[in-house]
Amino acid sequence: MIENQAAAQASQTKAQSERDELISQLIEVNAGRAAYYRMLAELFFRELTQQQVDHLAGMDFAGMAGDNALIAEGYEDMYRYLRHANSGTRQALACDYAHTFLAAGNYETFAATPFESVFTSELGLMMQEARDGVYKMYCEQHIQPQADLHVPEDHASFEFEFLATVIERTNAALLASDFDRARDLAQTVSDFHAQHQLNWVDDLCDAVLDVAETRFYRGVSKVTRGFVHMETDVIADELDVLQELAGEKAA
């Protein structure tokens, strides 16, 4: 009997160790995902500052590409543009941002206005049903963009920041061993990704490719598309794991 108890205890210890390792891996992956979403939010929100340009120029894009061919292609575009960065690079990128996303001086092509409503409403207008949908989900999670920005809530940057914040909250729940909450938060990410990312990000990225004049922003569009689609499997896998963890704790 003593031997059986010892074997059972050893088995439980091993299972706990494996569970802890799995949770640690989830937290690490989620931290990377949240950081990636915040990077995309910065790239789409406004013209880059000189500090941001300098930071991006010093990044190891090749080491960040991973196995995703589209992301690797996008990083290559960004790298090749920034490797020749000089005193005029920030201004050139600012002009292209304004041309691409704000339609400044753009009279011949459709601008890549980064609002979900523009790409999902029948007339391509802002402040439409998509804005109401994301606002509802923000309110459910008690998350709001800064009111003094006076920018509609369905801006791509706000959507990316929302996902980053919910993923970070998922990690906090994992650290607290609150697997039910972690699962619910991951479900929120899944729902938002399906309803407010996959439905329009491809069209946004197509528009950026059509309108952008610099290789940098064309690269940003490829990286964005690649990451958003890569998230589909990551989100599904995480939900499966969290469902299992929540079930184990309940048992």
Protein backbone atom coordinates (compact mmCIF):
# COMPACT_ATOMS: atom_id res chain seq x y z
CA MET A 1 0.00 0.00 0.00
CA ILE A 2 2.85 2.37 0.83
CA GLU A 3 4.39 1.68 -2.57
CA ASN A 4 1.06 2.38 -4.29
CA GLN A 5 0.71 5.67 -2.42
CA ALA A 6 4.24 6.66 -3.35
CA ALA A 7 3.60 5.83 -6.99
CA ALA A 8 0.37 7.81 -6.97
CA GLN A 9 2.09 10.79 -5.36
CA ALA A 10 4.90 10.62 -7.91
CA SER A 11 2.34 10.53 -10.72
CA GLN A 12 0.52 13.54 -9.30
CA THR A 13 3.79 15.43 -8.90
CA LYS A 14 4.71 14.70 -12.51
CA ALA A 15 1.28 15.78 -13.74
CA GLN A 16 1.51 19.02 -11.75
CA SER A 17 4.98 19.69 -13.12
CA GLU A 18 3.76 19.15 -16.68
CA ARG A 19 0.77 21.40 -16.05
CA ASP A 20 2.99 24.14 -14.63
CA GLU A 21 5.26 23.88 -17.66
CA LEU A 22 2.27 24.13 -20.00
CA ILE A 23 0.99 27.21 -18.18
CA SER A 24 4.45 28.78 -18.33
CA GLN A 25 4.57 28.19 -22.08
CA LEU A 26 1.11 29.70 -22.53
CA ILE A 27 2.12 32.79 -20.60
CA GLU A 28 5.27 33.19 -22.68
CA VAL A 29 3.38 32.81 -25.95
CA ASN A 30 0.69 35.23 -24.80
CA ALA A 31 3.24 37.84 -23.79
CA GLY A 32 4.68 37.68 -27.30
CA ARG A 33 1.24 37.92 -28.88
CA ALA A 34 0.28 40.93 -26.78
CA ALA A 35 3.55 42.68 -27.65
CA TYR A 36 2.96 41.98 -31.33
CA TYR A 37 -0.53 43.46 -31.23
CA ARG A 38 0.84 46.56 -29.52
CA MET A 39 3.51 46.90 -32.19
CA LEU A 40 0.84 46.76 -34.90
CA ALA A 41 -1.23 49.32 -32.99
CA GLU A 42 1.70 51.75 -33.01
CA LEU A 43 2.37 51.21 -36.72
CA PHE A 44 -1.22 51.99 -37.70
CA PHE A 45 -2.11 54.77 -35.26
CA ARG A 46 -0.11 57.75 -36.45
CA GLU A 47 3.07 58.83 -38.18
CA LEU A 48 6.17 57.28 -36.64
CA THR A 49 8.40 59.44 -34.46
CA GLN A 50 12.14 59.64 -35.02
CA GLN A 51 12.62 57.48 -31.93
CA GLN A 52 10.32 54.82 -33.37
CA VAL A 53 12.09 54.91 -36.73
CA ASP A 54 15.47 54.51 -35.02
CA HIS A 55 14.14 51.62 -32.93
CA LEU A 56 12.70 49.82 -35.95
CA ALA A 57 15.88 50.37 -37.94
CA GLY A 58 17.82 48.56 -35.22
CA MET A 59 15.50 45.57 -34.98
CA ASP A 60 16.48 42.06 -36.07
CA PHE A 61 13.58 41.47 -38.44
CA ALA A 62 15.12 38.27 -39.82
CA GLY A 63 15.12 36.72 -36.35
CA MET A 64 11.47 37.64 -35.79
CA ALA A 65 10.01 36.14 -38.96
CA GLY A 66 9.61 32.56 -37.77
CA ASP A 67 8.05 30.06 -40.16
CA ASN A 68 5.38 32.32 -41.64
CA ALA A 69 6.36 33.14 -45.23
CA LEU A 70 4.14 36.22 -45.52
CA ILE A 71 5.43 37.71 -42.27
CA ALA A 72 9.00 37.00 -43.40
CA GLU A 73 8.31 38.76 -46.71
CA GLY A 74 6.85 41.74 -44.90
CA TYR A 75 9.79 41.99 -42.54
CA GLU A 76 12.14 41.82 -45.51
CA ASP A 77 10.35 44.79 -47.08
CA MET A 78 10.54 46.77 -43.85
CA TYR A 79 14.21 45.89 -43.35
CA ARG A 80 15.24 46.79 -46.88
CA TYR A 81 13.56 50.16 -46.59
CA LEU A 82 14.98 50.98 -43.16
CA ARG A 83 18.53 49.77 -43.80
CA HIS A 84 19.07 52.96 -45.80
CA ALA A 85 17.50 55.17 -43.12
CA ASN A 86 18.80 58.73 -43.02
CA SER A 87 17.76 62.15 -41.77
CA GLY A 88 14.87 62.25 -44.25
CA THR A 89 13.42 58.80 -43.54
CA ARG A 90 11.01 59.88 -40.82
CA GLN A 91 9.55 62.62 -43.03
CA ALA A 92 9.23 60.26 -45.98
CA LEU A 93 7.38 57.73 -43.84
CA ALA A 94 5.18 60.46 -42.36
CA CYS A 95 4.20 61.59 -45.85
CA ASP A 96 3.42 58.03 -46.90
CA TYR A 97 1.39 57.44 -43.75
CA ALA A 98 -0.69 60.54 -44.48
CA HIS A 99 -1.07 59.53 -48.13
CA THR A 100 -1.97 55.91 -47.36
CA PHE A 101 -4.13 56.12 -44.25
CA LEU A 102 -5.38 59.72 -44.25
CA ALA A 103 -5.78 60.17 -48.04
CA ALA A 104 -3.59 63.28 -47.98
CA GLY A 105 -3.00 64.29 -51.60
CA ASN A 106 -4.59 61.03 -52.71
CA TYR A 107 -7.23 61.75 -55.35
CA GLU A 108 -6.95 58.77 -57.65
CA THR A 109 -7.14 55.70 -55.43
CA PHE A 110 -9.10 54.47 -52.41
CA ALA A 111 -7.24 55.28 -49.21
CA ALA A 112 -6.55 52.57 -46.65
CA THR A 113 -8.56 54.39 -43.97
CA PRO A 114 -7.95 52.11 -40.96
CA PHE A 115 -11.51 51.91 -39.61
CA GLU A 116 -13.51 48.71 -39.69
CA SER A 117 -16.71 50.57 -40.58
CA VAL A 118 -15.14 51.93 -43.77
CA PHE A 119 -14.40 48.43 -45.00
CA THR A 120 -17.58 46.70 -43.81
CA SER A 121 -20.38 49.23 -44.33
CA GLU A 122 -22.23 49.39 -47.63
CA LEU A 123 -21.26 52.99 -48.34
CA GLY A 124 -17.79 52.85 -46.82
CA LEU A 125 -18.63 55.31 -44.07
CA MET A 126 -17.19 55.74 -40.59
CA MET A 127 -19.12 55.26 -37.33
CA GLN A 128 -21.30 52.45 -38.66
CA GLU A 129 -22.39 49.06 -37.28
CA ALA A 130 -18.82 47.80 -36.84
CA ARG A 131 -18.02 50.68 -34.53
CA ASP A 132 -21.06 49.84 -32.39
CA GLY A 133 -20.00 46.19 -32.26
CA VAL A 134 -16.47 46.84 -31.06
CA TYR A 135 -17.68 49.48 -28.61
CA LYS A 136 -20.03 46.92 -27.04
CA MET A 137 -17.20 44.42 -26.61
CA TYR A 138 -14.91 47.11 -25.18
CA CYS A 139 -17.58 48.03 -22.62
CA GLU A 140 -18.07 44.39 -21.63
CA GLN A 141 -14.38 44.23 -20.72
CA HIS A 142 -14.32 47.76 -19.21
CA ILE A 143 -11.80 48.90 -21.81
CA GLN A 144 -12.03 52.22 -23.61
CA PRO A 145 -9.72 54.23 -25.89
CA GLN A 146 -8.69 57.63 -24.57
CA ALA A 147 -11.71 59.88 -24.96
CA ASP A 148 -9.57 62.94 -25.69
CA LEU A 149 -8.25 61.30 -28.86
CA HIS A 150 -11.67 61.72 -30.50
CA VAL A 151 -11.07 58.74 -32.79
CA PRO A 152 -13.82 56.17 -33.51
CA GLU A 153 -13.45 52.96 -31.56
CA ASP A 154 -13.14 50.69 -34.61
CA HIS A 155 -9.75 52.10 -35.61
CA ALA A 156 -7.37 49.21 -36.32
CA SER A 157 -5.00 50.39 -33.59
CA PHE A 158 -7.70 50.33 -30.92
CA GLU A 159 -8.76 46.86 -31.99
CA PHE A 160 -5.17 45.62 -31.77
CA GLU A 161 -4.73 47.23 -28.34
CA PHE A 162 -7.97 45.67 -27.12
CA LEU A 163 -6.73 42.22 -28.06
CA ALA A 164 -3.37 42.88 -26.40
CA THR A 165 -5.07 43.97 -23.18
CA VAL A 166 -7.38 40.95 -23.02
CA ILE A 167 -4.47 38.60 -23.70
CA GLU A 168 -2.52 40.24 -20.87
CA ARG A 169 -5.52 39.74 -18.58
CA THR A 170 -5.57 36.09 -19.64
CA ASN A 171 -1.99 35.80 -18.42
CA ALA A 172 -2.91 37.42 -15.12
CA ALA A 173 -5.67 34.85 -14.69
CA LEU A 174 -3.25 32.02 -15.52
CA LEU A 175 -0.79 33.27 -12.91
CA ALA A 176 -3.63 33.26 -10.37
CA SER A 177 -4.64 29.72 -11.45
CA ASP A 178 -8.08 31.12 -12.34
CA PHE A 179 -8.53 28.91 -15.37
CA ASP A 180 -12.25 29.63 -15.77
CA ARG A 181 -11.53 33.34 -16.16
CA ALA A 182 -8.56 32.64 -18.44
CA ARG A 183 -10.80 30.51 -20.65
CA ASP A 184 -13.51 33.18 -20.74
CA LEU A 185 -10.98 35.86 -21.69
CA ALA A 186 -9.53 33.64 -24.40
CA GLN A 187 -13.07 33.16 -25.71
CA THR A 188 -13.43 36.94 -25.87
CA VAL A 189 -10.25 37.10 -27.93
CA SER A 190 -11.59 34.37 -30.20
CA ASP A 191 -14.93 36.11 -30.69
CA PHE A 192 -13.35 39.50 -31.35
CA HIS A 193 -10.81 38.01 -33.75
CA ALA A 194 -13.56 36.30 -35.75
CA GLN A 195 -16.01 39.19 -35.72
CA HIS A 196 -13.70 42.20 -35.95
CA GLN A 197 -10.42 41.06 -37.50
CA LEU A 198 -10.92 38.30 -40.04
CA ASN A 199 -13.87 40.18 -41.56
CA TRP A 200 -11.88 43.21 -42.76
CA VAL A 201 -8.13 43.09 -42.16
CA ASP A 202 -7.49 41.41 -45.52
CA ASP A 203 -9.29 44.26 -47.29
CA LEU A 204 -7.35 46.82 -45.27
CA CYS A 205 -4.05 45.16 -46.15
CA ASP A 206 -5.02 44.98 -49.83
CA ALA A 207 -5.74 48.70 -49.76
CA VAL A 208 -2.38 49.45 -48.13
CA LEU A 209 -0.61 47.44 -50.84
CA ASP A 210 -2.49 49.39 -53.52
CA VAL A 211 -1.94 52.84 -52.04
CA ALA A 212 1.34 52.87 -50.08
CA GLU A 213 4.30 54.42 -51.84
CA THR A 214 7.03 53.07 -49.56
CA ARG A 215 8.18 49.50 -49.28
CA PHE A 216 8.00 49.92 -45.51
CA TYR A 217 4.22 50.25 -45.31
CA ARG A 218 3.69 47.57 -47.92
CA GLY A 219 5.75 45.37 -45.61
CA VAL A 220 3.60 46.39 -42.64
CA SER A 221 0.51 45.25 -44.53
CA LYS A 222 2.04 41.81 -45.17
CA VAL A 223 3.15 41.39 -41.57
CA THR A 224 -0.31 42.39 -40.35
CA ARG A 225 -2.14 40.00 -42.64
CA GLY A 226 0.21 37.14 -41.81
CA PHE A 227 -0.09 37.63 -38.06
CA VAL A 228 -3.87 38.03 -37.99
CA HIS A 229 -4.34 34.79 -39.90
CA MET A 230 -1.69 32.97 -37.88
CA GLU A 231 -3.65 33.89 -34.77
CA THR A 232 -6.59 31.75 -35.89
CA ASP A 233 -4.87 28.48 -35.00
CA VAL A 234 -3.10 29.93 -31.95
CA ILE A 235 -6.40 31.10 -30.49
CA ALA A 236 -8.12 27.77 -31.13
CA ASP A 237 -5.26 25.80 -29.57
CA GLU A 238 -5.20 28.02 -26.49
CA LEU A 239 -8.94 27.68 -25.99
CA ASP A 240 -8.62 23.89 -26.08
CA VAL A 241 -5.85 23.94 -23.48
CA LEU A 242 -7.68 26.35 -21.18
CA GLN A 243 -10.88 24.34 -21.43
CA GLU A 244 -8.93 21.29 -20.32
CA LEU A 245 -7.26 23.16 -17.45
CA ALA A 246 -10.60 24.55 -16.27
CA GLY A 247 -12.11 21.07 -16.41
CA GLU A 248 -9.25 19.55 -14.42
CA LYS A 249 -9.61 22.15 -11.70
CA ALA A 250 -13.37 21.62 -11.50
CA ALA A 251 -12.82 17.89 -11.15
